[in-house]
N, C-alpha and C. Protein backbone atom coordinates (compact mmCIF):
# COMPACT_ATOMS: atom_id res chain seq x y z
N MET A 1 285.97 107.75 225.07
CA MET A 1 287.31 108.23 225.33
C MET A 1 288.16 107.03 225.75
N PRO A 2 289.28 106.75 225.05
CA PRO A 2 290.12 105.62 225.41
C PRO A 2 290.87 105.89 226.71
N THR A 3 291.11 104.82 227.43
CA THR A 3 291.88 104.94 228.66
C THR A 3 293.19 104.18 228.49
N THR A 4 294.19 104.56 229.24
CA THR A 4 295.47 103.89 229.19
C THR A 4 295.48 102.79 230.24
N THR A 5 295.82 101.59 229.82
CA THR A 5 295.91 100.46 230.73
C THR A 5 297.38 100.26 231.09
N THR A 6 297.67 100.28 232.38
CA THR A 6 299.05 100.11 232.84
C THR A 6 299.28 98.65 233.24
N PHE A 7 300.55 98.31 233.42
CA PHE A 7 300.88 96.98 233.91
C PHE A 7 300.19 96.72 235.24
N GLU A 8 300.14 97.74 236.09
CA GLU A 8 299.50 97.60 237.38
C GLU A 8 298.01 97.28 237.22
N ASP A 9 297.35 97.95 236.26
CA ASP A 9 295.94 97.67 235.98
C ASP A 9 295.76 96.22 235.54
N LEU A 10 296.62 95.79 234.61
CA LEU A 10 296.53 94.42 234.11
C LEU A 10 296.77 93.41 235.22
N GLN A 11 297.79 93.63 236.01
CA GLN A 11 298.12 92.70 237.09
C GLN A 11 297.00 92.65 238.13
N ALA A 12 296.41 93.80 238.42
CA ALA A 12 295.30 93.83 239.38
C ALA A 12 294.07 93.10 238.84
N ALA A 13 293.82 93.22 237.54
CA ALA A 13 292.66 92.58 236.92
C ALA A 13 292.85 91.08 236.74
N PHE A 14 294.12 90.65 236.60
CA PHE A 14 294.43 89.24 236.34
C PHE A 14 295.54 88.79 237.28
N PRO A 15 295.23 88.67 238.59
CA PRO A 15 296.28 88.39 239.58
C PRO A 15 296.91 87.01 239.50
N THR A 16 296.30 86.09 238.76
CA THR A 16 296.88 84.75 238.65
C THR A 16 297.84 84.64 237.48
N TRP A 17 298.15 85.78 236.86
CA TRP A 17 299.07 85.84 235.73
C TRP A 17 300.22 86.81 236.04
N THR A 18 301.39 86.53 235.47
CA THR A 18 302.51 87.48 235.50
C THR A 18 302.57 88.12 234.12
N ILE A 19 302.58 89.44 234.07
CA ILE A 19 302.48 90.17 232.80
C ILE A 19 303.76 90.95 232.56
N TRP A 20 304.23 90.93 231.32
CA TRP A 20 305.45 91.67 230.96
C TRP A 20 305.43 92.06 229.50
N ARG A 21 306.32 92.97 229.13
CA ARG A 21 306.49 93.39 227.73
C ARG A 21 307.80 92.81 227.22
N SER A 22 307.75 92.19 226.05
CA SER A 22 308.94 91.58 225.46
C SER A 22 309.80 92.61 224.74
N SER A 23 310.99 92.18 224.35
CA SER A 23 311.89 93.06 223.59
C SER A 23 311.31 93.39 222.22
N ALA A 24 310.35 92.58 221.76
CA ALA A 24 309.67 92.85 220.49
C ALA A 24 308.47 93.78 220.69
N ASP A 25 308.32 94.31 221.92
CA ASP A 25 307.27 95.26 222.29
C ASP A 25 305.87 94.66 222.29
N ARG A 26 305.80 93.34 222.52
CA ARG A 26 304.50 92.67 222.68
C ARG A 26 304.25 92.45 224.16
N LEU A 27 302.99 92.40 224.54
CA LEU A 27 302.62 92.09 225.92
C LEU A 27 302.38 90.59 226.05
N TRP A 28 302.88 90.03 227.14
CA TRP A 28 302.76 88.61 227.42
C TRP A 28 302.22 88.40 228.82
N ALA A 29 301.58 87.26 229.04
CA ALA A 29 301.12 86.88 230.37
C ALA A 29 301.34 85.38 230.53
N THR A 30 301.91 85.01 231.68
CA THR A 30 302.15 83.61 232.01
C THR A 30 301.44 83.30 233.32
N ARG A 31 300.79 82.17 233.36
CA ARG A 31 300.08 81.75 234.58
C ARG A 31 301.05 81.57 235.73
N ASN A 32 300.56 81.83 236.93
CA ASN A 32 301.36 81.64 238.14
C ASN A 32 301.21 80.23 238.70
N GLN A 33 300.56 79.36 237.95
CA GLN A 33 300.38 77.96 238.39
C GLN A 33 300.47 77.04 237.19
N ARG A 34 300.79 75.80 237.45
CA ARG A 34 300.84 74.81 236.38
C ARG A 34 299.43 74.37 236.00
N LEU A 35 299.28 73.98 234.76
CA LEU A 35 298.01 73.46 234.28
C LEU A 35 298.08 71.94 234.20
N THR A 36 296.94 71.30 234.39
CA THR A 36 296.87 69.84 234.26
C THR A 36 296.73 69.49 232.78
N ASP A 37 296.91 68.22 232.47
CA ASP A 37 296.71 67.76 231.09
C ASP A 37 295.28 68.00 230.64
N VAL A 38 294.33 67.82 231.55
CA VAL A 38 292.91 68.05 231.22
C VAL A 38 292.71 69.52 230.84
N GLN A 39 293.28 70.44 231.61
CA GLN A 39 293.15 71.86 231.31
C GLN A 39 293.79 72.20 229.97
N LEU A 40 294.97 71.66 229.71
CA LEU A 40 295.64 71.90 228.44
C LEU A 40 294.83 71.34 227.28
N ASP A 41 294.28 70.15 227.45
CA ASP A 41 293.45 69.54 226.40
C ASP A 41 292.19 70.35 226.14
N HIS A 42 291.73 71.08 227.14
CA HIS A 42 290.52 71.91 227.01
C HIS A 42 290.83 73.25 226.34
N GLY A 43 292.12 73.53 226.11
CA GLY A 43 292.49 74.76 225.40
C GLY A 43 293.13 75.83 226.26
N LEU A 44 293.28 75.56 227.57
CA LEU A 44 293.96 76.55 228.41
C LEU A 44 295.44 76.60 228.04
N SER A 45 296.04 77.77 228.18
CA SER A 45 297.44 77.98 227.83
C SER A 45 298.22 78.46 229.04
N HIS A 46 299.49 78.08 229.07
CA HIS A 46 300.38 78.59 230.12
C HIS A 46 300.70 80.06 229.87
N THR A 47 300.86 80.42 228.59
CA THR A 47 301.28 81.78 228.22
C THR A 47 300.45 82.26 227.04
N VAL A 48 300.03 83.53 227.11
CA VAL A 48 299.32 84.18 226.00
C VAL A 48 299.96 85.53 225.72
N ASP A 49 299.69 86.07 224.54
CA ASP A 49 300.29 87.36 224.19
C ASP A 49 299.36 88.19 223.33
N GLY A 50 299.71 89.47 223.19
CA GLY A 50 298.95 90.38 222.36
C GLY A 50 299.82 91.55 221.93
N ASP A 51 299.43 92.17 220.83
CA ASP A 51 300.17 93.34 220.34
C ASP A 51 300.05 94.53 221.28
N ASP A 52 298.93 94.59 222.01
CA ASP A 52 298.68 95.71 222.92
C ASP A 52 297.82 95.22 224.07
N ALA A 53 297.51 96.11 225.00
CA ALA A 53 296.74 95.73 226.19
C ALA A 53 295.37 95.18 225.81
N GLU A 54 294.73 95.79 224.84
CA GLU A 54 293.40 95.34 224.43
C GLU A 54 293.43 93.89 223.96
N GLN A 55 294.41 93.55 223.13
CA GLN A 55 294.52 92.17 222.64
C GLN A 55 294.87 91.21 223.76
N LEU A 56 295.77 91.62 224.66
CA LEU A 56 296.13 90.74 225.77
C LEU A 56 294.93 90.51 226.68
N ILE A 57 294.17 91.54 226.97
CA ILE A 57 292.98 91.40 227.80
C ILE A 57 292.00 90.43 227.14
N ALA A 58 291.83 90.53 225.84
CA ALA A 58 290.93 89.61 225.13
C ALA A 58 291.41 88.17 225.28
N GLN A 59 292.71 87.95 225.18
CA GLN A 59 293.26 86.60 225.34
C GLN A 59 293.04 86.09 226.76
N LEU A 60 293.27 86.96 227.74
CA LEU A 60 293.11 86.56 229.14
C LEU A 60 291.65 86.26 229.46
N ARG A 61 290.74 87.06 228.94
CA ARG A 61 289.31 86.81 229.16
C ARG A 61 288.88 85.50 228.49
N HIS A 62 289.43 85.24 227.31
CA HIS A 62 289.14 83.97 226.63
C HIS A 62 289.61 82.79 227.48
N GLN A 63 290.78 82.92 228.09
CA GLN A 63 291.28 81.87 228.97
C GLN A 63 290.35 81.68 230.17
N GLU A 64 289.83 82.77 230.71
CA GLU A 64 288.89 82.67 231.83
C GLU A 64 287.61 81.95 231.40
N GLU A 65 287.13 82.23 230.19
CA GLU A 65 285.93 81.58 229.68
C GLU A 65 286.17 80.07 229.51
N LEU A 66 287.34 79.72 228.97
CA LEU A 66 287.66 78.30 228.81
C LEU A 66 287.72 77.61 230.16
N ALA A 67 288.35 78.26 231.14
CA ALA A 67 288.48 77.67 232.47
C ALA A 67 287.10 77.49 233.11
N ALA A 68 286.22 78.45 232.89
CA ALA A 68 284.87 78.35 233.47
C ALA A 68 284.09 77.19 232.88
N GLY A 69 284.46 76.77 231.67
CA GLY A 69 283.77 75.66 231.03
C GLY A 69 284.21 74.29 231.52
N LEU A 70 285.25 74.24 232.34
CA LEU A 70 285.70 72.97 232.90
C LEU A 70 284.93 72.65 234.17
N SER A 71 284.46 71.44 234.28
CA SER A 71 283.77 71.06 235.51
C SER A 71 284.80 70.64 236.56
N PRO A 72 284.59 71.03 237.80
CA PRO A 72 285.53 70.65 238.85
C PRO A 72 285.55 69.14 239.04
N ARG A 73 286.71 68.62 239.40
CA ARG A 73 286.84 67.17 239.61
C ARG A 73 286.95 66.87 241.06
C-alpha cells in the first residue's frame, strides 16, 4: 500500500536540506551548508531534484551514500 510523503516527512528525514516544490511542480532540495571543493569533486551536490517524492528521496539517499564515502580530514 503506497503512503503519501509530505514536506514535513521529507524535512524530518533529511534535516540538513531545505525542500520545496517549484513552479514546474518538481521537488527540490538544497543543502543547509556549503560544500568544500573536495566534496564537490567527490560528486556531492548543493541542490538535487526529482519529479516526485520517491525520486527526490532516491537523490537524497544517493547524496548520503556519496558523503559516507568521504574520509574525514
